[in-house]
Every structure is written in C-alpha cells, then in structure tokens.
Amino acid sequence: MNAGIALFAVFAFTAVVLLLEGFFVYWNDSKSPEVRRVEQRLRAISAGGHEAGESQLLKQRVMSTSPALQKLLLQMPHAHQLDRILQQSGSSSTVIHLVTLCLLCSGAGLLVGLMLGWPWLVTVLAAAGLAALPLMRLVWKRNKRLHMIEAQLPEAMDLISRALRAGHAFPVGAGDGGGRGAGADCR
C-alpha cells in the first residue's frame, strides 16, 4: 500500500509540474511582451499604414544631439555623405563631432602658423592639411573595414549555404541564433 501511495504521489507531482510547464509555454508563446511586440510590428507592416505612436523598425541617426545644430547640419550639402562614411567606418561618433574635430585641427594649424610667423599661404595650407587629417583617418578606417568585410564575405556565404543545405533555418545559418553574426568581426 505504501508503494501505491508513493507511486500516486510521484505521478501527481509529475502531472502538476507538466501542467505548470504547459501553462508557461503557452503564455510564453502567445502572451509574452516579445510576442506582442512582434505581432504589433507585423500588423504595422502588413497594413502598410503608419500610426502616430508606431515605433520605427530602423533607428533614425542623428547628426547632432542639439536640435539647432541638427537643423544646421541638414542644410550642409555633404553632411549625409559624412554620416554615411561614419557609418561605414564603424565609428559611433556623430557628424558634428567630426566637423568640430576638423575645425579644431584647422584652428591649431592657423595658430601654429601665426605663432611661427609663416607666410599666409603656408599657414592656410597647414590649416587645411590638419583639417583634412580626421577625414583621412575616417576614410582609412572605412576602407580597412570594407576590405575586412570583403575578405570575410565568401567564407560567411559558404557557411550560410552549407547550413541551409543541411536543413537549418536561415537565422541559424546566418549566425543570428547563437551570438555572433557572419560579419560580427568587422569592427
């Protein structure tokens, strides 16, 4: 009789644990905040409309944290190209930071030229050369990063194609499911 009661208790405990696990899995698959957020995004995409409170899928880049400077930078003719170069180089700084750095370097060149008594042409050329240094460093970082991506791209594509041929889902083959993606080493 004791064995029957113990066996009943073990089965009852297992049934309760499985029932709780079932409720948890159901809630996690249908009611969790992540599921609601994904459903909201899918509804917004499929409807094609843009609601006023809808969150955007792509993060909007700002060129400056100050609204007045942001407006001024948007009026500059090549500000978007500078922002694109910043993105491609993997830099986290803003366009206003780059412009400020160039202006500081130019001011330092002018100051050195005036202190040393150089002719105006030499002083202006030194200021322009120093102002171009941050841009040249940024372009060098961008080219280095793009060459690294080009070197890693065939291997990443091969890895993804082998994973897809093996029957894995695309996110698993692309490296999104477990941590580092195919181009994660490019910084």
Protein backbone atom coordinates (compact mmCIF):
# COMPACT_ATOMS: atom_id res chain seq x y z
CA MET A 1 0.00 0.00 0.00
CA ASN A 2 2.83 2.41 0.76
CA ALA A 3 4.30 1.78 -2.67
CA GLY A 4 0.94 2.59 -4.31
CA ILE A 5 0.62 5.85 -2.40
CA ALA A 6 4.24 6.81 -3.22
CA LEU A 7 3.67 6.00 -6.90
CA PHE A 8 0.46 8.06 -6.89
CA ALA A 9 2.32 10.99 -5.28
CA VAL A 10 5.10 10.81 -7.90
CA PHE A 11 2.56 10.76 -10.75
CA ALA A 12 0.55 13.60 -9.20
CA PHE A 13 3.70 15.69 -8.75
CA THR A 14 4.78 15.00 -12.37
CA ALA A 15 1.30 15.89 -13.63
CA VAL A 16 1.29 19.20 -11.74
CA VAL A 17 4.80 20.08 -12.95
CA LEU A 18 3.88 19.26 -16.56
CA LEU A 19 0.66 21.25 -16.27
CA LEU A 20 2.56 24.29 -14.96
CA GLU A 21 5.16 23.88 -17.71
CA GLY A 22 2.37 23.72 -20.29
CA PHE A 23 0.82 26.94 -18.98
CA PHE A 24 4.22 28.63 -19.03
CA VAL A 25 4.98 27.55 -22.61
CA TYR A 26 1.50 28.64 -23.74
CA TRP A 27 1.91 32.06 -22.09
CA ASN A 28 5.43 32.47 -23.43
CA ASP A 29 4.34 31.61 -27.00
CA SER A 30 1.20 33.75 -27.07
CA LYS A 31 1.11 36.40 -24.36
CA SER A 32 4.70 37.42 -23.64
CA PRO A 33 5.84 41.01 -24.31
CA GLU A 34 8.19 39.86 -27.06
CA VAL A 35 5.35 38.13 -28.92
CA ARG A 36 3.13 41.18 -28.58
CA ARG A 37 5.88 43.46 -29.91
CA VAL A 38 6.49 41.18 -32.92
CA GLU A 39 2.75 40.94 -33.63
CA GLN A 40 2.45 44.74 -33.45
CA ARG A 41 5.30 45.17 -35.93
CA LEU A 42 3.86 42.55 -38.28
CA ARG A 43 0.45 44.22 -38.15
CA ALA A 44 2.01 47.61 -38.93
CA ILE A 45 3.99 46.19 -41.85
CA SER A 46 1.11 44.20 -43.32
CA ALA A 47 -1.34 47.07 -43.01
CA GLY A 48 1.04 49.37 -44.82
CA GLY A 49 -0.08 52.28 -42.68
CA HIS A 50 1.94 54.29 -40.24
CA GLU A 51 0.25 55.04 -36.96
CA ALA A 52 1.22 58.07 -34.93
CA GLY A 53 2.56 56.07 -31.99
CA GLU A 54 4.14 53.33 -34.07
CA SER A 55 7.75 52.53 -33.29
CA GLN A 56 10.07 52.53 -36.26
CA LEU A 57 11.97 49.41 -37.25
CA LEU A 58 15.08 51.36 -38.25
CA LYS A 59 16.79 53.63 -35.79
CA GLN A 60 16.98 57.18 -37.07
CA ARG A 61 20.53 58.52 -36.99
CA VAL A 62 21.10 61.99 -35.67
CA MET A 63 23.98 64.14 -36.76
CA SER A 64 23.99 66.13 -33.53
CA THR A 65 22.35 65.90 -30.12
CA SER A 66 21.38 69.56 -30.33
CA PRO A 67 18.28 70.30 -32.43
CA ALA A 68 19.68 73.63 -33.65
CA LEU A 69 22.94 72.02 -34.80
CA GLN A 70 20.95 69.15 -36.34
CA LYS A 71 18.98 71.65 -38.42
CA LEU A 72 22.20 73.42 -39.45
CA LEU A 73 23.86 70.14 -40.45
CA LEU A 74 20.84 69.11 -42.51
CA GLN A 75 21.35 72.28 -44.57
CA MET A 76 25.02 71.45 -45.25
CA PRO A 77 25.45 69.96 -48.74
CA HIS A 78 27.65 66.95 -47.87
CA ALA A 79 26.57 66.19 -44.29
CA HIS A 80 24.77 62.99 -45.32
CA GLN A 81 27.88 61.76 -47.09
CA LEU A 82 29.91 62.36 -43.92
CA ASP A 83 27.30 60.44 -41.94
CA ARG A 84 27.47 57.55 -44.40
CA ILE A 85 31.27 57.45 -44.12
CA LEU A 86 30.96 57.45 -40.32
CA GLN A 87 28.55 54.51 -40.50
CA GLN A 88 30.71 52.58 -42.94
CA SER A 89 33.82 53.09 -40.82
CA GLY A 90 32.07 51.63 -37.77
CA SER A 91 32.50 54.84 -35.79
CA SER A 92 29.94 55.71 -33.17
CA SER A 93 30.61 59.46 -33.27
CA THR A 94 28.29 62.00 -34.85
CA VAL A 95 28.80 64.34 -37.79
CA ILE A 96 29.01 67.35 -35.50
CA HIS A 97 31.83 65.65 -33.60
CA LEU A 98 33.73 65.12 -36.85
CA VAL A 99 33.14 68.70 -38.04
CA THR A 100 34.23 70.05 -34.65
CA LEU A 101 37.38 67.94 -34.73
CA CYS A 102 38.21 69.22 -38.23
CA LEU A 103 37.65 72.83 -37.13
CA LEU A 104 39.85 72.34 -34.04
CA CYS A 105 42.64 70.86 -36.17
CA SER A 106 42.32 73.74 -38.62
CA GLY A 107 42.44 76.26 -35.78
CA ALA A 108 45.54 74.54 -34.40
CA GLY A 109 47.20 74.81 -37.83
CA LEU A 110 46.36 78.50 -38.04
CA LEU A 111 47.62 79.09 -34.52
CA VAL A 112 50.92 77.30 -35.16
CA GLY A 113 51.40 79.15 -38.44
CA LEU A 114 50.76 82.52 -36.83
CA MET A 115 52.98 81.78 -33.83
CA LEU A 116 55.87 80.68 -36.04
CA GLY A 117 55.41 83.63 -38.40
CA TRP A 118 54.82 81.57 -41.52
CA PRO A 119 53.55 83.32 -44.64
CA TRP A 120 49.76 83.33 -45.03
CA LEU A 121 49.76 80.82 -47.87
CA VAL A 122 51.79 78.31 -45.87
CA THR A 123 49.63 78.91 -42.77
CA VAL A 124 46.40 78.35 -44.71
CA LEU A 125 47.80 75.21 -46.36
CA ALA A 126 48.92 73.86 -42.97
CA ALA A 127 45.47 74.57 -41.52
CA ALA A 128 43.77 72.85 -44.45
CA GLY A 129 46.10 69.87 -44.19
CA LEU A 130 45.45 69.49 -40.47
CA ALA A 131 41.70 69.89 -41.02
CA ALA A 132 41.81 67.01 -43.52
CA LEU A 133 43.55 64.62 -41.08
CA PRO A 134 40.37 63.46 -39.25
CA LEU A 135 38.64 62.90 -42.60
CA MET A 136 41.61 60.95 -43.98
CA ARG A 137 41.72 58.79 -40.82
CA LEU A 138 37.98 58.13 -41.14
CA VAL A 139 38.29 57.15 -44.80
CA TRP A 140 41.24 54.89 -43.90
CA LYS A 141 39.14 53.18 -41.19
CA ARG A 142 36.24 52.77 -43.64
CA ASN A 143 38.48 51.23 -46.32
CA LYS A 144 40.07 48.89 -43.78
CA ARG A 145 36.63 47.77 -42.56
CA LEU A 146 35.29 47.27 -46.10
CA HIS A 147 38.35 45.20 -47.05
CA MET A 148 37.82 43.05 -43.96
CA ILE A 149 34.16 42.54 -44.91
CA GLU A 150 35.18 41.65 -48.47
CA ALA A 151 37.67 39.12 -47.11
CA GLN A 152 35.11 37.53 -44.78
CA LEU A 153 32.13 37.59 -47.14
CA PRO A 154 32.95 34.44 -49.19
CA GLU A 155 33.51 32.40 -46.03
CA ALA A 156 30.29 33.70 -44.47
CA MET A 157 28.28 32.97 -47.61
CA ASP A 158 29.76 29.48 -47.77
CA LEU A 159 28.87 28.89 -44.11
CA ILE A 160 25.30 30.07 -44.66
CA SER A 161 24.84 27.99 -47.83
CA ARG A 162 26.15 24.84 -46.11
CA ALA A 163 23.83 25.43 -43.16
CA LEU A 164 20.84 25.92 -45.48
CA ARG A 165 21.71 22.79 -47.45
CA ALA A 166 21.87 20.89 -44.16
CA GLY A 167 18.30 21.95 -43.44
CA HIS A 168 18.85 24.65 -40.84
CA ALA A 169 16.73 27.79 -40.80
CA PHE A 170 18.25 30.95 -42.25
CA PRO A 171 18.75 32.75 -38.90
CA VAL A 172 20.66 29.75 -37.58
CA GLY A 173 22.77 29.56 -40.73
CA ALA A 174 23.42 33.29 -40.68
CA GLY A 175 24.65 33.13 -37.10
CA ASP A 176 21.77 35.16 -35.65
CA GLY A 177 20.56 32.43 -33.33
CA GLY A 178 23.58 31.92 -31.16
CA GLY A 179 25.52 35.09 -30.67
CA ARG A 180 27.89 36.45 -33.28
CA GLY A 181 26.70 37.01 -36.81
CA ALA A 182 28.51 36.47 -40.06
CA GLY A 183 30.02 39.95 -40.11
CA ALA A 184 30.49 40.45 -36.37
CA ASP A 185 34.29 40.61 -36.56
CA CYS A 186 34.29 43.66 -38.83
CA ARG A 187 34.84 46.30 -36.16
